[in-house]
Amino acid sequence: RLVTACAGAALLLGAVAVAFVLRD
């Protein structure tokens, strides 16, 4: 479960980074 939570957090962080790149 910890690995899944960390992977989900990394995915969320990556999605936010992609959103910034697409926006700017």
PDB file of all heavy atoms in Angstrom:
ATOM      1  N   ARG A   1       0.834  -1.210   0.000  1.00  0.00           N
ATOM      2  CA  ARG A   1       0.000   0.000   0.000  1.00  0.00           C
ATOM      3  C   ARG A   1       0.864   1.254   0.000  1.00  0.00           C
ATOM      4  O   ARG A   1       0.518   2.241  -0.630  1.00  0.00           O
ATOM      5  CB  ARG A   1      -0.937   0.003   1.212  1.00  0.00           C
ATOM      6  CG  ARG A   1      -1.866  -1.178   1.258  1.00  0.00           C
ATOM      7  CD  ARG A   1      -2.929  -1.062   0.212  1.00  0.00           C
ATOM      8  NE  ARG A   1      -3.798  -2.235   0.297  1.00  0.00           N
ATOM      9  CZ  ARG A   1      -4.307  -2.830  -0.754  1.00  0.00           C
ATOM     10  NH1 ARG A   1      -4.041  -2.377  -1.951  1.00  0.00           N
ATOM     11  NH2 ARG A   1      -5.072  -3.865  -0.616  1.00  0.00           N
ATOM     12  N   LEU A   2       1.986   1.220   0.689  1.00  0.00           N
ATOM     13  CA  LEU A   2       2.873   2.374   0.717  1.00  0.00           C
ATOM     14  C   LEU A   2       3.451   2.642  -0.672  1.00  0.00           C
ATOM     15  O   LEU A   2       3.515   3.790  -1.120  1.00  0.00           O
ATOM     16  CB  LEU A   2       4.002   2.157   1.733  1.00  0.00           C
ATOM     17  CG  LEU A   2       5.026   3.284   1.837  1.00  0.00           C
ATOM     18  CD1 LEU A   2       4.348   4.568   2.284  1.00  0.00           C
ATOM     19  CD2 LEU A   2       6.127   2.905   2.802  1.00  0.00           C
ATOM     20  N   VAL A   3       3.818   1.575  -1.365  1.00  0.00           N
ATOM     21  CA  VAL A   3       4.359   1.734  -2.716  1.00  0.00           C
ATOM     22  C   VAL A   3       3.286   2.312  -3.636  1.00  0.00           C
ATOM     23  O   VAL A   3       3.557   3.207  -4.447  1.00  0.00           O
ATOM     24  CB  VAL A   3       4.874   0.377  -3.255  1.00  0.00           C
ATOM     25  CG1 VAL A   3       5.270   0.480  -4.711  1.00  0.00           C
ATOM     26  CG2 VAL A   3       6.024  -0.116  -2.414  1.00  0.00           C
ATOM     27  N   THR A   4       2.061   1.844  -3.491  1.00  0.00           N
ATOM     28  CA  THR A   4       0.964   2.354  -4.307  1.00  0.00           C
ATOM     29  C   THR A   4       0.715   3.821  -4.007  1.00  0.00           C
ATOM     30  O   THR A   4       0.490   4.627  -4.919  1.00  0.00           O
ATOM     31  CB  THR A   4      -0.307   1.528  -4.055  1.00  0.00           C
ATOM     32  OG1 THR A   4      -0.026   0.156  -4.334  1.00  0.00           O
ATOM     33  CG2 THR A   4      -1.448   1.991  -4.927  1.00  0.00           C
ATOM     34  N   ALA A   5       0.750   4.200  -2.731  1.00  0.00           N
ATOM     35  CA  ALA A   5       0.540   5.600  -2.363  1.00  0.00           C
ATOM     36  C   ALA A   5       1.656   6.484  -2.922  1.00  0.00           C
ATOM     37  O   ALA A   5       1.388   7.580  -3.434  1.00  0.00           O
ATOM     38  CB  ALA A   5       0.461   5.736  -0.850  1.00  0.00           C
ATOM     39  N   CYS A   6       2.885   6.010  -2.863  1.00  0.00           N
ATOM     40  CA  CYS A   6       4.009   6.781  -3.406  1.00  0.00           C
ATOM     41  C   CYS A   6       3.905   6.909  -4.927  1.00  0.00           C
ATOM     42  O   CYS A   6       4.175   7.979  -5.493  1.00  0.00           O
ATOM     43  CB  CYS A   6       5.336   6.138  -3.024  1.00  0.00           C
ATOM     44  SG  CYS A   6       5.714   6.293  -1.278  1.00  0.00           S
ATOM     45  N   ALA A   7       3.490   5.839  -5.587  1.00  0.00           N
ATOM     46  CA  ALA A   7       3.327   5.892  -7.040  1.00  0.00           C
ATOM     47  C   ALA A   7       2.207   6.858  -7.415  1.00  0.00           C
ATOM     48  O   ALA A   7       2.322   7.615  -8.379  1.00  0.00           O
ATOM     49  CB  ALA A   7       3.040   4.502  -7.588  1.00  0.00           C
ATOM     50  N   GLY A   8       1.122   6.854  -6.649  1.00  0.00           N
ATOM     51  CA  GLY A   8       0.033   7.793  -6.902  1.00  0.00           C
ATOM     52  C   GLY A   8       0.466   9.235  -6.702  1.00  0.00           C
ATOM     53  O   GLY A   8       0.109  10.121  -7.489  1.00  0.00           O
ATOM     54  N   ALA A   9       1.250   9.483  -5.665  1.00  0.00           N
ATOM     55  CA  ALA A   9       1.753  10.838  -5.423  1.00  0.00           C
ATOM     56  C   ALA A   9       2.682  11.271  -6.556  1.00  0.00           C
ATOM     57  O   ALA A   9       2.625  12.424  -7.002  1.00  0.00           O
ATOM     58  CB  ALA A   9       2.477  10.888  -4.082  1.00  0.00           C
ATOM     59  N   ALA A  10       3.535  10.367  -7.029  1.00  0.00           N
ATOM     60  CA  ALA A  10       4.433  10.696  -8.142  1.00  0.00           C
ATOM     61  C   ALA A  10       3.638  10.971  -9.416  1.00  0.00           C
ATOM     62  O   ALA A  10       3.961  11.888 -10.184  1.00  0.00           O
ATOM     63  CB  ALA A  10       5.425   9.563  -8.367  1.00  0.00           C
ATOM     64  N   LEU A  11       2.573  10.193  -9.636  1.00  0.00           N
ATOM     65  CA  LEU A  11       1.726  10.409 -10.807  1.00  0.00           C
ATOM     66  C   LEU A  11       1.036  11.763 -10.727  1.00  0.00           C
ATOM     67  O   LEU A  11       0.959  12.497 -11.718  1.00  0.00           O
ATOM     68  CB  LEU A  11       0.702   9.285 -10.926  1.00  0.00           C
ATOM     69  CG  LEU A  11      -0.233   9.344 -12.128  1.00  0.00           C
ATOM     70  CD1 LEU A  11       0.571   9.209 -13.409  1.00  0.00           C
ATOM     71  CD2 LEU A  11      -1.263   8.249 -12.040  1.00  0.00           C
ATOM     72  N   LEU A  12       0.538  12.116  -9.550  1.00  0.00           N
ATOM     73  CA  LEU A  12      -0.098  13.416  -9.367  1.00  0.00           C
ATOM     74  C   LEU A  12       0.896  14.552  -9.603  1.00  0.00           C
ATOM     75  O   LEU A  12       0.578  15.542 -10.280  1.00  0.00           O
ATOM     76  CB  LEU A  12      -0.692  13.508  -7.961  1.00  0.00           C
ATOM     77  CG  LEU A  12      -1.395  14.815  -7.617  1.00  0.00           C
ATOM     78  CD1 LEU A  12      -2.616  15.009  -8.513  1.00  0.00           C
ATOM     79  CD2 LEU A  12      -1.808  14.814  -6.161  1.00  0.00           C
ATOM     80  N   LEU A  13       2.092  14.418  -9.074  1.00  0.00           N
ATOM     81  CA  LEU A  13       3.122  15.428  -9.279  1.00  0.00           C
ATOM     82  C   LEU A  13       3.468  15.552 -10.761  1.00  0.00           C
ATOM     83  O   LEU A  13       3.629  16.665 -11.284  1.00  0.00           O
ATOM     84  CB  LEU A  13       4.368  15.074  -8.462  1.00  0.00           C
ATOM     85  CG  LEU A  13       5.517  16.059  -8.522  1.00  0.00           C
ATOM     86  CD1 LEU A  13       5.104  17.398  -7.940  1.00  0.00           C
ATOM     87  CD2 LEU A  13       6.707  15.510  -7.767  1.00  0.00           C
ATOM     88  N   GLY A  14       3.559  14.427 -11.453  1.00  0.00           N
ATOM     89  CA  GLY A  14       3.838  14.462 -12.887  1.00  0.00           C
ATOM     90  C   GLY A  14       2.714  15.118 -13.675  1.00  0.00           C
ATOM     91  O   GLY A  14       2.961  15.874 -14.612  1.00  0.00           O
ATOM     92  N   ALA A  15       1.462  14.854 -13.290  1.00  0.00           N
ATOM     93  CA  ALA A  15       0.327  15.476 -13.974  1.00  0.00           C
ATOM     94  C   ALA A  15       0.338  16.987 -13.778  1.00  0.00           C
ATOM     95  O   ALA A  15       0.040  17.750 -14.713  1.00  0.00           O
ATOM     96  CB  ALA A  15      -0.975  14.873 -13.457  1.00  0.00           C
ATOM     97  N   VAL A  16       0.676  17.433 -12.576  1.00  0.00           N
ATOM     98  CA  VAL A  16       0.767  18.869 -12.326  1.00  0.00           C
ATOM     99  C   VAL A  16       1.891  19.483 -13.159  1.00  0.00           C
ATOM    100  O   VAL A  16       1.728  20.568 -13.739  1.00  0.00           O
ATOM    101  CB  VAL A  16       0.982  19.141 -10.816  1.00  0.00           C
ATOM    102  CG1 VAL A  16       1.332  20.587 -10.556  1.00  0.00           C
ATOM    103  CG2 VAL A  16      -0.275  18.752 -10.040  1.00  0.00           C
ATOM    104  N   ALA A  17       3.016  18.793 -13.259  1.00  0.00           N
ATOM    105  CA  ALA A  17       4.124  19.301 -14.072  1.00  0.00           C
ATOM    106  C   ALA A  17       3.736  19.391 -15.539  1.00  0.00           C
ATOM    107  O   ALA A  17       4.037  20.382 -16.210  1.00  0.00           O
ATOM    108  CB  ALA A  17       5.356  18.404 -13.892  1.00  0.00           C
ATOM    109  N   VAL A  18       3.038  18.391 -16.044  1.00  0.00           N
ATOM    110  CA  VAL A  18       2.589  18.415 -17.436  1.00  0.00           C
ATOM    111  C   VAL A  18       1.606  19.563 -17.647  1.00  0.00           C
ATOM    112  O   VAL A  18       1.642  20.261 -18.666  1.00  0.00           O
ATOM    113  CB  VAL A  18       1.966  17.054 -17.834  1.00  0.00           C
ATOM    114  CG1 VAL A  18       1.221  17.150 -19.148  1.00  0.00           C
ATOM    115  CG2 VAL A  18       3.049  15.994 -17.919  1.00  0.00           C
ATOM    116  N   ALA A  19       0.719  19.795 -16.688  1.00  0.00           N
ATOM    117  CA  ALA A  19      -0.237  20.892 -16.802  1.00  0.00           C
ATOM    118  C   ALA A  19       0.483  22.237 -16.879  1.00  0.00           C
ATOM    119  O   ALA A  19       0.102  23.115 -17.659  1.00  0.00           O
ATOM    120  CB  ALA A  19      -1.196  20.869 -15.613  1.00  0.00           C
ATOM    121  N   PHE A  20       1.533  22.418 -16.087  1.00  0.00           N
ATOM    122  CA  PHE A  20       2.299  23.665 -16.151  1.00  0.00           C
ATOM    123  C   PHE A  20       2.982  23.829 -17.504  1.00  0.00           C
ATOM    124  O   PHE A  20       3.020  24.922 -18.057  1.00  0.00           O
ATOM    125  CB  PHE A  20       3.332  23.730 -15.023  1.00  0.00           C
ATOM    126  CG  PHE A  20       2.762  24.215 -13.733  1.00  0.00           C
ATOM    127  CD1 PHE A  20       2.841  23.414 -12.601  1.00  0.00           C
ATOM    128  CD2 PHE A  20       2.153  25.453 -13.612  1.00  0.00           C
ATOM    129  CE1 PHE A  20       2.320  23.847 -11.400  1.00  0.00           C
ATOM    130  CE2 PHE A  20       1.623  25.893 -12.421  1.00  0.00           C
ATOM    131  CZ  PHE A  20       1.711  25.085 -11.306  1.00  0.00           C
ATOM    132  N   VAL A  21       3.528  22.747 -18.019  1.00  0.00           N
ATOM    133  CA  VAL A  21       4.206  22.824 -19.320  1.00  0.00           C
ATOM    134  C   VAL A  21       3.215  23.165 -20.420  1.00  0.00           C
ATOM    135  O   VAL A  21       3.482  24.010 -21.277  1.00  0.00           O
ATOM    136  CB  VAL A  21       4.941  21.507 -19.625  1.00  0.00           C
ATOM    137  CG1 VAL A  21       5.393  21.452 -21.070  1.00  0.00           C
ATOM    138  CG2 VAL A  21       6.117  21.324 -18.686  1.00  0.00           C
ATOM    139  N   LEU A  22       2.043  22.529 -20.394  1.00  0.00           N
ATOM    140  CA  LEU A  22       1.047  22.781 -21.422  1.00  0.00           C
ATOM    141  C   LEU A  22       0.462  24.186 -21.300  1.00  0.00           C
ATOM    142  O   LEU A  22       0.107  24.810 -22.290  1.00  0.00           O
ATOM    143  CB  LEU A  22      -0.071  21.742 -21.340  1.00  0.00           C
ATOM    144  CG  LEU A  22       0.330  20.314 -21.704  1.00  0.00           C
ATOM    145  CD1 LEU A  22      -0.838  19.371 -21.519  1.00  0.00           C
ATOM    146  CD2 LEU A  22       0.859  20.235 -23.117  1.00  0.00           C
ATOM    147  N   ARG A  23       0.358  24.700 -20.092  1.00  0.00           N
ATOM    148  CA  ARG A  23      -0.214  26.022 -19.874  1.00  0.00           C
ATOM    149  C   ARG A  23       0.744  27.116 -20.329  1.00  0.00           C
ATOM    150  O   ARG A  23       0.355  28.060 -20.997  1.00  0.00           O
ATOM    151  CB  ARG A  23      -0.564  26.211 -18.412  1.00  0.00           C
ATOM    152  CG  ARG A  23      -1.271  27.531 -18.143  1.00  0.00           C
ATOM    153  CD  ARG A  23      -1.414  27.748 -16.690  1.00  0.00           C
ATOM    154  NE  ARG A  23      -0.052  27.920 -16.156  1.00  0.00           N
ATOM    155  CZ  ARG A  23       0.224  28.512 -15.024  1.00  0.00           C
ATOM    156  NH1 ARG A  23      -0.741  28.952 -14.271  1.00  0.00           N
ATOM    157  NH2 ARG A  23       1.456  28.645 -14.608  1.00  0.00           N
ATOM    158  N   ASP A  24       2.010  27.003 -19.934  1.00  0.00           N
ATOM    159  CA  ASP A  24       2.979  28.060 -20.223  1.00  0.00           C
ATOM    160  C   ASP A  24       3.555  27.967 -21.630  1.00  0.00           C
ATOM    161  O   ASP A  24       3.909  28.969 -22.218  1.00  0.00           O
ATOM    162  CB  ASP A  24       4.114  28.028 -19.186  1.00  0.00           C
ATOM    163  CG  ASP A  24       3.607  28.416 -17.810  1.00  0.00           C
ATOM    164  OD1 ASP A  24       2.558  29.070 -17.721  1.00  0.00           O
ATOM    165  OD2 ASP A  24       4.260  28.020 -16.815  1.00  0.00           O
TER     166      ASP A  24
END
